[in-house]
Every structure is written in C-alpha cells, then in structure tokens.
Amino acid sequence: MKQSSREIWSWNKEKEMKSLRHCLRSFRFIAIDTEFPGCLKETPMEAAEEIRYRDMRFNIHKTKLIQFGFTLFDGEGRIGGTWEVNFSDFIESKDAKNSKSMEFLRRNGLNLEKIREQGIGIDEFFKEFTQILNESKSEKKMTWITFHGSYDKAYLVKGFTGGQILPETSQDFAQVVERLLGDVVDVKEIAGLGLFPCLSSHYGLQRVADAFQIRRVGKAHHAGSDSELTARVFIKMAPILSQDYKRKMRLRADQQELMMMTTCYVPQPLRPRPRPMMFAAFGGFFVVPVQRFNYV
C-alpha cells in the first residue's frame, strides 16, 4: 500500500484544507500523531496517575507544537489521505524545549528552519480545522485513533481551545477529551489486551507494525508517516478486536440467561443500569474504544 503524506505549508494551505474538507465527507476515522519539542519535566514510570498528568499538563502548557499529522480512513479500511501540518510558531532559539528531543528530531530529518519559515500558525490552522470538523459532525461523528496518545490528545485540546491551559485533574481532562473529540481508541492499549500473541504493551509503533509485517511509508518520527502507520496497524487489529468483543457479549448473554433460570423467576431488586459503552462501526464489526490514559 502506497500512501504519501500531503504536507501543509503557508503557500498551499488553502488548497489542502479544501481537499481535507472534501475527504471528510467519506472518511470518518482519523489517526493522529504530533511532534513537539520534548518534555521539560521527565516523569518516573512508577509515578501516580495524577503526578503523570500534572507533568504532562506542565509540558503541554510550556511548549509549542511543531507538527500535526493525521490520516483519514473509512470502516472498510480504505485510506483517504494523510496530511502533515507544519507549524511556524516554535522558535528554537527562544522557546522552551528538551535539547535531547530536538537533536532526535533533527537526526530523523525534521527541517526545523523550513518549518519555521514556511509553516502556518497553530491558531490559524485549528480555527479552520475546527470549522471543517463541525461541518462534518452534522453528518457523522469522527473516531480518533492514537498510539500512546495522551500527548497527542492534549495538544489537540490545547489547539481546539485556543491555547488554554489543560484542566487541573486527569478526570477533568478525560471529560474534556470526550466532549471535544468523542470516541478515542489507543492502539498501544489494544496491543496490551492479550488478543495478539505477537504483541505487547511495551512495544513501540514500529515494532507493532513489524509484527504485522506492515511497511512504513515515509520517515519515522514525522507526524504524517506515524499517523498513517497508526491507521494501518489499527485496520489490522480491528477485526480481531471486534470478534473478541462479540465473544464477550455472547458470554455475558449466556450468563444472564443462566441467572434467570437459577433464580426461578424470584423478583430481584432493581439495579442501576450501567452507562452504555460507546463504539464505532468498522467493516461491519464493532470496535470498543479504549479510554485509559498514560501520561509518559
């Protein structure tokens, strides 16, 4: 499968945003990735959830997005397009950064000077992106796909809210993500569910793709290429995830039937109805979003 990223710069933004608006009419899944100047606060792996969230909140507030990549695809696994947005806001000589992260980005081919000179403004992009998404939501809502995507979601929240600081707590952050984005699936979390013997939650994106024998298009650690690879990994995972969900639903139905038989129809106390799970149709199956958050 060949699918190259369409780069968005100041000189072609109007054309590419028009293409994006057209593509969103047919493709309702969006895999995302971001590139940014690294973490100013490094969080220990054993840290509690709120500490991890607090450090992420600090890092997001103090740093500026460099690239945002996204790939649109449909419920049959057909990819509609990949875009890589280059942002001009980050000034390496002035803005907060992690020096090791910047060296890493340069080694992987990011031309930070070109991005600064020819990129577009973060606020400019997200205003138009929000408008386009709102237009498409009237037809059908999106499902967002990430890989270890807490920072990706956090930068999206920051962009969609005009640069506002993230909520105080991880619980409030999760509520904002649900309100702004809706359904979010994290491929790294799916890898750790035990449904795929060849996978582990410790694997990075490239190793997961290698396990599925998926060849990358483009360069690693470029937002467009990473989003496209995330989409293709999810497309491979979706049928098996859906079959497991159906199996669990059948097992639950059998257990409920058995309970009805063994209670001899004795009236049972009413229990509060559980909150319905949100899921998105994919290729005739049902895919259950994974909503856990990792902040490292």
C-alpha atoms as a PDB file:
ATOM      1  CA  MET A   1       0.000   0.000   0.000  1.00  0.00           C
ATOM      2  CA  LYS A   2       1.443   3.343  -1.043  1.00  0.00           C
ATOM      3  CA  GLN A   3       0.235   6.465   0.719  1.00  0.00           C
ATOM      4  CA  SER A   4       2.468   9.530   0.988  1.00  0.00           C
ATOM      5  CA  SER A   5       1.790  12.492   3.260  1.00  0.00           C
ATOM      6  CA  ARG A   6       0.454  15.726   1.842  1.00  0.00           C
ATOM      7  CA  GLU A   7       2.386  18.466   3.603  1.00  0.00           C
ATOM      8  CA  ILE A   8       0.598  21.650   4.610  1.00  0.00           C
ATOM      9  CA  TRP A   9       2.595  24.890   4.385  1.00  0.00           C
ATOM     10  CA  SER A  10       1.669  28.552   4.280  1.00  0.00           C
ATOM     11  CA  TRP A  11       1.763  28.563   0.482  1.00  0.00           C
ATOM     12  CA  ASN A  12      -0.568  25.572  -0.103  1.00  0.00           C
ATOM     13  CA  LYS A  13      -2.821  25.684   2.965  1.00  0.00           C
ATOM     14  CA  GLU A  14      -5.936  26.823   1.112  1.00  0.00           C
ATOM     15  CA  LYS A  15      -5.697  24.015  -1.452  1.00  0.00           C
ATOM     16  CA  GLU A  16      -5.002  21.293   1.116  1.00  0.00           C
ATOM     17  CA  MET A  17      -7.734  22.399   3.522  1.00  0.00           C
ATOM     18  CA  LYS A  18     -10.182  22.238   0.631  1.00  0.00           C
ATOM     19  CA  SER A  19      -9.040  18.667  -0.089  1.00  0.00           C
ATOM     20  CA  LEU A  20      -9.392  17.809   3.587  1.00  0.00           C
ATOM     21  CA  ARG A  21     -12.945  19.166   3.708  1.00  0.00           C
ATOM     22  CA  HIS A  22     -13.862  17.026   0.703  1.00  0.00           C
ATOM     23  CA  CYS A  23     -12.215  13.892   2.160  1.00  0.00           C
ATOM     24  CA  LEU A  24     -14.047  14.172   5.471  1.00  0.00           C
ATOM     25  CA  ARG A  25     -17.348  13.609   3.671  1.00  0.00           C
ATOM     26  CA  SER A  26     -16.449   9.958   3.131  1.00  0.00           C
ATOM     27  CA  PHE A  27     -13.880   9.031   5.794  1.00  0.00           C
ATOM     28  CA  ARG A  28     -14.888   9.021   9.462  1.00  0.00           C
ATOM     29  CA  PHE A  29     -11.826   7.534  11.201  1.00  0.00           C
ATOM     30  CA  ILE A  30      -8.826   9.783  11.876  1.00  0.00           C
ATOM     31  CA  ALA A  31      -5.447   8.510  13.117  1.00  0.00           C
ATOM     32  CA  ILE A  32      -3.245  11.233  14.615  1.00  0.00           C
ATOM     33  CA  ASP A  33       0.321  11.927  15.694  1.00  0.00           C
ATOM     34  CA  THR A  34       2.219  15.006  16.891  1.00  0.00           C
ATOM     35  CA  GLU A  35       5.832  16.139  17.005  1.00  0.00           C
ATOM     36  CA  PHE A  36       6.824  18.637  19.704  1.00  0.00           C
ATOM     37  CA  PRO A  37       9.976  19.923  21.460  1.00  0.00           C
ATOM     38  CA  GLY A  38      10.050  17.164  24.074  1.00  0.00           C
ATOM     39  CA  CYS A  39       9.243  17.003  27.773  1.00  0.00           C
ATOM     40  CA  LEU A  40      10.580  19.631  30.158  1.00  0.00           C
ATOM     41  CA  LYS A  41       9.579  17.522  33.162  1.00  0.00           C
ATOM     42  CA  GLU A  42      10.507  13.846  32.957  1.00  0.00           C
ATOM     43  CA  THR A  43       8.091  11.621  34.865  1.00  0.00           C
ATOM     44  CA  PRO A  44       9.208   8.398  36.646  1.00  0.00           C
ATOM     45  CA  MET A  45       7.468   5.293  35.308  1.00  0.00           C
ATOM     46  CA  GLU A  46       6.218   4.379  38.781  1.00  0.00           C
ATOM     47  CA  ALA A  47       4.633   7.798  39.379  1.00  0.00           C
ATOM     48  CA  ALA A  48       0.952   8.004  40.317  1.00  0.00           C
ATOM     49  CA  GLU A  49      -1.572   8.953  37.661  1.00  0.00           C
ATOM     50  CA  GLU A  50      -2.157  12.485  38.927  1.00  0.00           C
ATOM     51  CA  ILE A  51       1.594  13.179  39.060  1.00  0.00           C
ATOM     52  CA  ARG A  52       1.979  11.960  35.491  1.00  0.00           C
ATOM     53  CA  TYR A  53      -0.930  14.110  34.411  1.00  0.00           C
ATOM     54  CA  ARG A  54       0.431  17.137  36.291  1.00  0.00           C
ATOM     55  CA  ASP A  55       3.778  16.818  34.493  1.00  0.00           C
ATOM     56  CA  MET A  56       2.085  16.395  31.106  1.00  0.00           C
ATOM     57  CA  ARG A  57      -0.072  19.437  31.784  1.00  0.00           C
ATOM     58  CA  PHE A  58       3.051  21.481  32.568  1.00  0.00           C
ATOM     59  CA  ASN A  59       4.877  20.245  29.459  1.00  0.00           C
ATOM     60  CA  ILE A  60       1.954  20.950  27.140  1.00  0.00           C
ATOM     61  CA  HIS A  61       1.444  24.432  28.575  1.00  0.00           C
ATOM     62  CA  LYS A  62       5.103  25.416  28.213  1.00  0.00           C
ATOM     63  CA  THR A  63       5.843  24.005  24.746  1.00  0.00           C
ATOM     64  CA  LYS A  64       4.622  24.580  21.203  1.00  0.00           C
ATOM     65  CA  LEU A  65       3.522  22.046  18.626  1.00  0.00           C
ATOM     66  CA  ILE A  66       5.873  21.536  15.657  1.00  0.00           C
ATOM     67  CA  GLN A  67       3.936  19.063  13.500  1.00  0.00           C
ATOM     68  CA  PHE A  68       0.470  17.533  13.487  1.00  0.00           C
ATOM     69  CA  GLY A  69      -0.136  14.502  11.291  1.00  0.00           C
ATOM     70  CA  PHE A  70      -3.439  12.811  10.577  1.00  0.00           C
ATOM     71  CA  THR A  71      -4.717  10.054   8.308  1.00  0.00           C
ATOM     72  CA  LEU A  72      -8.359   9.652   7.278  1.00  0.00           C
ATOM     73  CA  PHE A  73      -9.806   6.200   6.580  1.00  0.00           C
ATOM     74  CA  ASP A  74     -13.191   4.511   6.459  1.00  0.00           C
ATOM     75  CA  GLY A  75     -14.899   1.497   8.011  1.00  0.00           C
ATOM     76  CA  GLU A  76     -13.666  -0.761   5.210  1.00  0.00           C
ATOM     77  CA  GLY A  77     -10.038   0.103   5.901  1.00  0.00           C
ATOM     78  CA  ARG A  78      -9.600   2.327   2.837  1.00  0.00           C
ATOM     79  CA  ILE A  79      -7.267   5.268   3.422  1.00  0.00           C
ATOM     80  CA  GLY A  80      -8.480   8.575   2.035  1.00  0.00           C
ATOM     81  CA  GLY A  81      -5.394  10.680   2.651  1.00  0.00           C
ATOM     82  CA  THR A  82      -2.600  11.647   5.020  1.00  0.00           C
ATOM     83  CA  TRP A  83      -1.729  15.223   5.911  1.00  0.00           C
ATOM     84  CA  GLU A  84       1.267  16.637   7.770  1.00  0.00           C
ATOM     85  CA  VAL A  85       0.778  20.157   9.113  1.00  0.00           C
ATOM     86  CA  ASN A  86       3.945  22.196   9.747  1.00  0.00           C
ATOM     87  CA  PHE A  87       3.644  24.935  12.378  1.00  0.00           C
ATOM     88  CA  SER A  88       5.709  28.132  12.338  1.00  0.00           C
ATOM     89  CA  ASP A  89       5.170  29.128  15.987  1.00  0.00           C
ATOM     90  CA  PHE A  90       8.143  27.306  17.532  1.00  0.00           C
ATOM     91  CA  ILE A  91      11.386  29.321  17.649  1.00  0.00           C
ATOM     92  CA  GLU A  92      14.217  27.037  18.710  1.00  0.00           C
ATOM     93  CA  SER A  93      16.454  29.837  19.993  1.00  0.00           C
ATOM     94  CA  LYS A  94      13.744  31.274  22.282  1.00  0.00           C
ATOM     95  CA  ASP A  95      11.083  28.722  23.130  1.00  0.00           C
ATOM     96  CA  ALA A  96      11.126  26.018  25.798  1.00  0.00           C
ATOM     97  CA  LYS A  97      12.488  22.676  24.621  1.00  0.00           C
ATOM     98  CA  ASN A  98      14.234  19.489  25.596  1.00  0.00           C
ATOM     99  CA  SER A  99      17.613  19.633  23.853  1.00  0.00           C
ATOM    100  CA  LYS A 100      17.884  15.851  23.507  1.00  0.00           C
ATOM    101  CA  SER A 101      14.454  15.731  21.880  1.00  0.00           C
ATOM    102  CA  MET A 102      15.434  18.444  19.428  1.00  0.00           C
ATOM    103  CA  GLU A 103      18.574  16.534  18.451  1.00  0.00           C
ATOM    104  CA  PHE A 104      16.424  13.429  17.981  1.00  0.00           C
ATOM    105  CA  LEU A 105      14.027  15.259  15.645  1.00  0.00           C
ATOM    106  CA  ARG A 106      16.903  16.646  13.601  1.00  0.00           C
ATOM    107  CA  ARG A 107      18.524  13.212  13.305  1.00  0.00           C
ATOM    108  CA  ASN A 108      15.236  11.893  11.942  1.00  0.00           C
ATOM    109  CA  GLY A 109      15.114  14.530   9.228  1.00  0.00           C
ATOM    110  CA  LEU A 110      12.888  17.332  10.507  1.00  0.00           C
ATOM    111  CA  ASN A 111      13.916  20.591   8.851  1.00  0.00           C
ATOM    112  CA  LEU A 112      13.129  22.971  11.695  1.00  0.00           C
ATOM    113  CA  GLU A 113      14.332  26.039   9.795  1.00  0.00           C
ATOM    114  CA  LYS A 114      11.995  25.350   6.867  1.00  0.00           C
ATOM    115  CA  ILE A 115       9.110  24.636   9.228  1.00  0.00           C
ATOM    116  CA  ARG A 116       9.691  27.951  10.986  1.00  0.00           C
ATOM    117  CA  GLU A 117       9.954  29.929   7.722  1.00  0.00           C
ATOM    118  CA  GLN A 118       7.218  28.255   5.650  1.00  0.00           C
ATOM    119  CA  GLY A 119       4.878  26.742   8.227  1.00  0.00           C
ATOM    120  CA  ILE A 120       1.473  28.060   9.307  1.00  0.00           C
ATOM    121  CA  GLY A 121       0.264  29.398  12.646  1.00  0.00           C
ATOM    122  CA  ILE A 122      -1.196  26.977  15.185  1.00  0.00           C
ATOM    123  CA  ASP A 123      -4.228  29.162  15.948  1.00  0.00           C
ATOM    124  CA  GLU A 124      -4.809  29.808  12.247  1.00  0.00           C
ATOM    125  CA  PHE A 125      -4.901  26.105  11.472  1.00  0.00           C
ATOM    126  CA  PHE A 126      -7.055  24.999  14.397  1.00  0.00           C
ATOM    127  CA  LYS A 127      -9.685  27.648  13.770  1.00  0.00           C
ATOM    128  CA  GLU A 128     -10.211  26.359  10.247  1.00  0.00           C
ATOM    129  CA  PHE A 129      -9.802  22.707  11.278  1.00  0.00           C
ATOM    130  CA  THR A 130     -12.468  23.157  13.961  1.00  0.00           C
ATOM    131  CA  GLN A 131     -14.843  24.681  11.428  1.00  0.00           C
ATOM    132  CA  ILE A 132     -14.301  21.802   8.998  1.00  0.00           C
ATOM    133  CA  LEU A 133     -14.846  19.189  11.725  1.00  0.00           C
ATOM    134  CA  ASN A 134     -18.009  20.919  12.922  1.00  0.00           C
ATOM    135  CA  GLU A 135     -19.370  20.818   9.391  1.00  0.00           C
ATOM    136  CA  SER A 136     -18.636  17.091   9.130  1.00  0.00           C
ATOM    137  CA  LYS A 137     -20.091  16.302  12.568  1.00  0.00           C
ATOM    138  CA  SER A 138     -23.512  17.279  11.308  1.00  0.00           C
ATOM    139  CA  GLU A 139     -23.311  14.234   9.013  1.00  0.00           C
ATOM    140  CA  LYS A 140     -21.440  11.677  11.154  1.00  0.00           C
ATOM    141  CA  LYS A 141     -19.104  11.854  14.126  1.00  0.00           C
ATOM    142  CA  MET A 142     -15.403  11.012  13.976  1.00  0.00           C
ATOM    143  CA  THR A 143     -13.495   8.254  15.749  1.00  0.00           C
ATOM    144  CA  TRP A 144      -9.934   9.236  16.708  1.00  0.00           C
ATOM    145  CA  ILE A 145      -7.091   6.689  16.669  1.00  0.00           C
ATOM    146  CA  THR A 146      -3.832   7.232  18.554  1.00  0.00           C
ATOM    147  CA  PHE A 147      -0.723   5.313  19.580  1.00  0.00           C
ATOM    148  CA  HIS A 148       0.259   6.056  23.187  1.00  0.00           C
ATOM    149  CA  GLY A 149      -1.637   9.212  22.501  1.00  0.00           C
ATOM    150  CA  SER A 150      -2.061  11.199  25.717  1.00  0.00           C
ATOM    151  CA  TYR A 151       0.215  13.991  24.492  1.00  0.00           C
ATOM    152  CA  ASP A 152      -1.446  13.901  21.071  1.00  0.00           C
ATOM    153  CA  LYS A 153      -4.867  14.355  22.660  1.00  0.00           C
ATOM    154  CA  ALA A 154      -3.551  17.056  24.977  1.00  0.00           C
ATOM    155  CA  TYR A 155      -2.093  19.117  22.122  1.00  0.00           C
ATOM    156  CA  LEU A 156      -5.387  18.752  20.259  1.00  0.00           C
ATOM    157  CA  VAL A 157      -7.295  20.016  23.287  1.00  0.00           C
ATOM    158  CA  LYS A 158      -4.874  22.936  23.534  1.00  0.00           C
ATOM    159  CA  GLY A 159      -5.321  23.715  19.834  1.00  0.00           C
ATOM    160  CA  PHE A 160      -9.103  23.405  19.834  1.00  0.00           C
ATOM    161  CA  THR A 161      -9.410  25.670  22.895  1.00  0.00           C
ATOM    162  CA  GLY A 162      -7.170  28.423  21.546  1.00  0.00           C
ATOM    163  CA  GLY A 163      -4.157  27.621  23.696  1.00  0.00           C
ATOM    164  CA  GLN A 164      -5.943  27.394  27.036  1.00  0.00           C
ATOM    165  CA  ILE A 165      -4.170  25.561  29.843  1.00  0.00           C
ATOM    166  CA  LEU A 166      -5.369  21.994  30.368  1.00  0.00           C
ATOM    167  CA  PRO A 167      -7.818  21.153  33.190  1.00  0.00           C
ATOM    168  CA  GLU A 168      -6.489  20.738  36.737  1.00  0.00           C
ATOM    169  CA  THR A 169      -7.118  16.995  37.074  1.00  0.00           C
ATOM    170  CA  SER A 170      -6.865  13.934  34.844  1.00  0.00           C
ATOM    171  CA  GLN A 171     -10.559  13.254  35.393  1.00  0.00           C
ATOM    172  CA  ASP A 172     -11.487  16.705  34.116  1.00  0.00           C
ATOM    173  CA  PHE A 173      -9.106  16.236  31.199  1.00  0.00           C
ATOM    174  CA  ALA A 174     -10.813  12.954  30.251  1.00  0.00           C
ATOM    175  CA  GLN A 175     -14.174  14.731  30.273  1.00  0.00           C
ATOM    176  CA  VAL A 176     -12.859  17.499  28.011  1.00  0.00           C
ATOM    177  CA  VAL A 177     -11.409  14.921  25.606  1.00  0.00           C
ATOM    178  CA  GLU A 178     -14.773  13.154  25.460  1.00  0.00           C
ATOM    179  CA  ARG A 179     -16.594  16.423  24.853  1.00  0.00           C
ATOM    180  CA  LEU A 180     -14.244  17.734  22.159  1.00  0.00           C
ATOM    181  CA  LEU A 181     -13.222  14.516  20.409  1.00  0.00           C
ATOM    182  CA  GLY A 182     -15.757  11.857  21.332  1.00  0.00           C
ATOM    183  CA  ASP A 183     -14.596   8.273  20.721  1.00  0.00           C
ATOM    184  CA  VAL A 184     -10.832   7.742  21.078  1.00  0.00           C
ATOM    185  CA  VAL A 185      -9.032   4.416  20.552  1.00  0.00           C
ATOM    186  CA  ASP A 186      -5.412   3.911  21.652  1.00  0.00           C
ATOM    187  CA  VAL A 187      -3.649   1.257  19.575  1.00  0.00           C
ATOM    188  CA  LYS A 188      -0.901   0.773  22.177  1.00  0.00           C
ATOM    189  CA  GLU A 189      -3.520  -0.139  24.764  1.00  0.00           C
ATOM    190  CA  ILE A 190      -5.096  -2.615  22.344  1.00  0.00           C
ATOM    191  CA  ALA A 191      -1.677  -4.218  21.854  1.00  0.00           C
ATOM    192  CA  GLY A 192      -1.587  -4.931  25.591  1.00  0.00           C
ATOM    193  CA  LEU A 193      -5.008  -6.578  25.846  1.00  0.00           C
ATOM    194  CA  GLY A 194      -3.627 -10.067  25.227  1.00  0.00           C
ATOM    195  CA  LEU A 195      -5.592 -10.598  21.995  1.00  0.00           C
ATOM    196  CA  PHE A 196      -2.450 -10.666  19.862  1.00  0.00           C
ATOM    197  CA  PRO A 197       0.215 -13.206  20.974  1.00  0.00           C
ATOM    198  CA  CYS A 198       2.896 -11.414  18.965  1.00  0.00           C
ATOM    199  CA  LEU A 199       2.310  -8.037  20.677  1.00  0.00           C
ATOM    200  CA  SER A 200       2.999  -6.357  23.998  1.00  0.00           C
ATOM    201  CA  SER A 201       2.005  -3.027  25.526  1.00  0.00           C
ATOM    202  CA  HIS A 202       5.755  -2.354  25.820  1.00  0.00           C
ATOM    203  CA  TYR A 203       6.183  -2.261  22.038  1.00  0.00           C
ATOM    204  CA  GLY A 204       6.582   0.979  20.144  1.00  0.00           C
ATOM    205  CA  LEU A 205       4.684   1.764  16.965  1.00  0.00           C
ATOM    206  CA  GLN A 206       7.354   0.480  14.590  1.00  0.00           C
ATOM    207  CA  ARG A 207       7.699  -2.838  16.425  1.00  0.00           C
ATOM    208  CA  VAL A 208       3.931  -3.369  16.396  1.00  0.00           C
ATOM    209  CA  ALA A 209       3.868  -2.614  12.660  1.00  0.00           C
ATOM    210  CA  ASP A 210       6.752  -5.036  12.084  1.00  0.00           C
ATOM    211  CA  ALA A 211       4.812  -7.776  13.915  1.00  0.00           C
ATOM    212  CA  PHE A 212       2.002  -7.310  11.390  1.00  0.00           C
ATOM    213  CA  GLN A 213       4.509  -7.078   8.502  1.00  0.00           C
ATOM    214  CA  ILE A 214       3.344  -3.565   7.650  1.00  0.00           C
ATOM    215  CA  ARG A 215       5.904  -1.495   5.775  1.00  0.00           C
ATOM    216  CA  ARG A 216       6.179   2.165   6.678  1.00  0.00           C
ATOM    217  CA  VAL A 217       5.645   4.846   4.049  1.00  0.00           C
ATOM    218  CA  GLY A 218       7.802   7.911   4.725  1.00  0.00           C
ATOM    219  CA  LYS A 219      10.163   8.623   7.609  1.00  0.00           C
ATOM    220  CA  ALA A 220       9.708   7.573  11.230  1.00  0.00           C
ATOM    221  CA  HIS A 221       9.050  10.344  13.755  1.00  0.00           C
ATOM    222  CA  HIS A 222       7.441  12.540  11.131  1.00  0.00           C
ATOM    223  CA  ALA A 223       3.850  13.192  12.158  1.00  0.00           C
ATOM    224  CA  GLY A 224       2.278  12.294   8.819  1.00  0.00           C
ATOM    225  CA  SER A 225       4.096   8.980   8.409  1.00  0.00           C
ATOM    226  CA  ASP A 226       3.458   7.988  12.045  1.00  0.00           C
ATOM    227  CA  SER A 227      -0.266   8.737  11.741  1.00  0.00           C
ATOM    228  CA  GLU A 228      -0.522   6.690   8.542  1.00  0.00           C
ATOM    229  CA  LEU A 229       1.267   3.739  10.172  1.00  0.00           C
ATOM    230  CA  THR A 230      -1.031   4.009  13.200  1.00  0.00           C
ATOM    231  CA  ALA A 231      -4.055   3.849  10.892  1.00  0.00           C
ATOM    232  CA  ARG A 232      -2.811   0.764   9.089  1.00  0.00           C
ATOM    233  CA  VAL A 233      -1.971  -1.031  12.354  1.00  0.00           C
ATOM    234  CA  PHE A 234      -5.463  -0.298  13.649  1.00  0.00           C
ATOM    235  CA  ILE A 235      -7.006  -1.600  10.421  1.00  0.00           C
ATOM    236  CA  LYS A 236      -5.160  -4.906  11.002  1.00  0.00           C
ATOM    237  CA  MET A 237      -6.284  -5.085  14.643  1.00  0.00           C
ATOM    238  CA  ALA A 238      -9.942  -4.113  14.240  1.00  0.00           C
ATOM    239  CA  PRO A 239     -11.478  -7.431  13.079  1.00  0.00           C
ATOM    240  CA  ILE A 240      -9.846  -9.448  15.898  1.00  0.00           C
ATOM    241  CA  LEU A 241     -10.775  -6.838  18.492  1.00  0.00           C
ATOM    242  CA  SER A 242     -14.335  -6.892  17.217  1.00  0.00           C
ATOM    243  CA  GLN A 243     -14.547 -10.688  17.343  1.00  0.00           C
ATOM    244  CA  ASP A 244     -13.353 -10.645  20.958  1.00  0.00           C
ATOM    245  CA  TYR A 245     -15.975  -8.049  21.836  1.00  0.00           C
ATOM    246  CA  LYS A 246     -18.722 -10.161  20.230  1.00  0.00           C
ATOM    247  CA  ARG A 247     -17.482 -13.266  22.093  1.00  0.00           C
ATOM    248  CA  LYS A 248     -17.658 -11.415  25.407  1.00  0.00           C
ATOM    249  CA  MET A 249     -21.153 -10.168  24.604  1.00  0.00           C
ATOM    250  CA  ARG A 250     -22.305 -13.737  23.835  1.00  0.00           C
ATOM    251  CA  LEU A 251     -20.759 -14.978  27.105  1.00  0.00           C
ATOM    252  CA  ARG A 252     -22.496 -12.214  29.038  1.00  0.00           C
ATOM    253  CA  ALA A 253     -25.833 -13.111  27.420  1.00  0.00           C
ATOM    254  CA  ASP A 254     -25.352 -16.790  28.342  1.00  0.00           C
ATOM    255  CA  GLN A 255     -24.563 -15.856  31.940  1.00  0.00           C
ATOM    256  CA  GLN A 256     -27.655 -13.667  32.168  1.00  0.00           C
ATOM    257  CA  GLU A 257     -29.837 -16.480  30.796  1.00  0.00           C
ATOM    258  CA  LEU A 258     -28.371 -18.921  33.316  1.00  0.00           C
ATOM    259  CA  MET A 259     -29.038 -16.485  36.144  1.00  0.00           C
ATOM    260  CA  MET A 260     -32.661 -16.151  35.069  1.00  0.00           C
ATOM    261  CA  MET A 261     -33.067 -19.944  35.116  1.00  0.00           C
ATOM    262  CA  THR A 262     -31.475 -20.429  38.545  1.00  0.00           C
ATOM    263  CA  THR A 263     -33.415 -17.675  40.298  1.00  0.00           C
ATOM    264  CA  CYS A 264     -36.714 -19.451  39.498  1.00  0.00           C
ATOM    265  CA  TYR A 265     -38.146 -16.110  38.484  1.00  0.00           C
ATOM    266  CA  VAL A 266     -37.971 -14.749  42.015  1.00  0.00           C
ATOM    267  CA  PRO A 267     -38.308 -10.946  41.749  1.00  0.00           C
ATOM    268  CA  GLN A 268     -34.848  -9.364  42.003  1.00  0.00           C
ATOM    269  CA  PRO A 269     -34.060  -5.880  43.331  1.00  0.00           C
ATOM    270  CA  LEU A 270     -33.647  -3.280  40.635  1.00  0.00           C
ATOM    271  CA  ARG A 271     -30.060  -2.315  39.903  1.00  0.00           C
ATOM    272  CA  PRO A 272     -28.993   0.928  38.246  1.00  0.00           C
ATOM    273  CA  ARG A 273     -28.484   0.496  34.525  1.00  0.00           C
ATOM    274  CA  PRO A 274     -24.818   0.648  33.503  1.00  0.00           C
ATOM    275  CA  ARG A 275     -23.682   3.538  31.339  1.00  0.00           C
ATOM    276  CA  PRO A 276     -23.779   2.323  27.714  1.00  0.00           C
ATOM    277  CA  MET A 277     -20.407   1.789  26.049  1.00  0.00           C
ATOM    278  CA  MET A 278     -19.712   3.935  23.027  1.00  0.00           C
ATOM    279  CA  PHE A 279     -18.357   2.150  19.982  1.00  0.00           C
ATOM    280  CA  ALA A 280     -17.867   2.800  16.319  1.00  0.00           C
ATOM    281  CA  ALA A 281     -18.751   0.570  13.395  1.00  0.00           C
ATOM    282  CA  PHE A 282     -15.758  -0.701  11.450  1.00  0.00           C
ATOM    283  CA  GLY A 283     -16.121  -3.025   8.482  1.00  0.00           C
ATOM    284  CA  GLY A 284     -19.378  -4.490   9.772  1.00  0.00           C
ATOM    285  CA  PHE A 285     -17.913  -5.179  13.224  1.00  0.00           C
ATOM    286  CA  PHE A 286     -17.928  -3.159  16.423  1.00  0.00           C
ATOM    287  CA  VAL A 287     -14.760  -1.620  17.827  1.00  0.00           C
ATOM    288  CA  VAL A 288     -14.714  -0.688  21.505  1.00  0.00           C
ATOM    289  CA  PRO A 289     -12.712   2.469  22.310  1.00  0.00           C
ATOM    290  CA  VAL A 290     -10.027   2.152  24.968  1.00  0.00           C
ATOM    291  CA  GLN A 291     -10.184   5.194  27.225  1.00  0.00           C
ATOM    292  CA  ARG A 292      -7.290   4.614  29.646  1.00  0.00           C
ATOM    293  CA  PHE A 293      -4.642   7.342  29.815  1.00  0.00           C
ATOM    294  CA  ASN A 294      -0.852   7.083  30.023  1.00  0.00           C
ATOM    295  CA  TYR A 295       0.963  10.360  30.577  1.00  0.00           C
ATOM    296  CA  VAL A 296       4.546   9.284  29.894  1.00  0.00           C
END
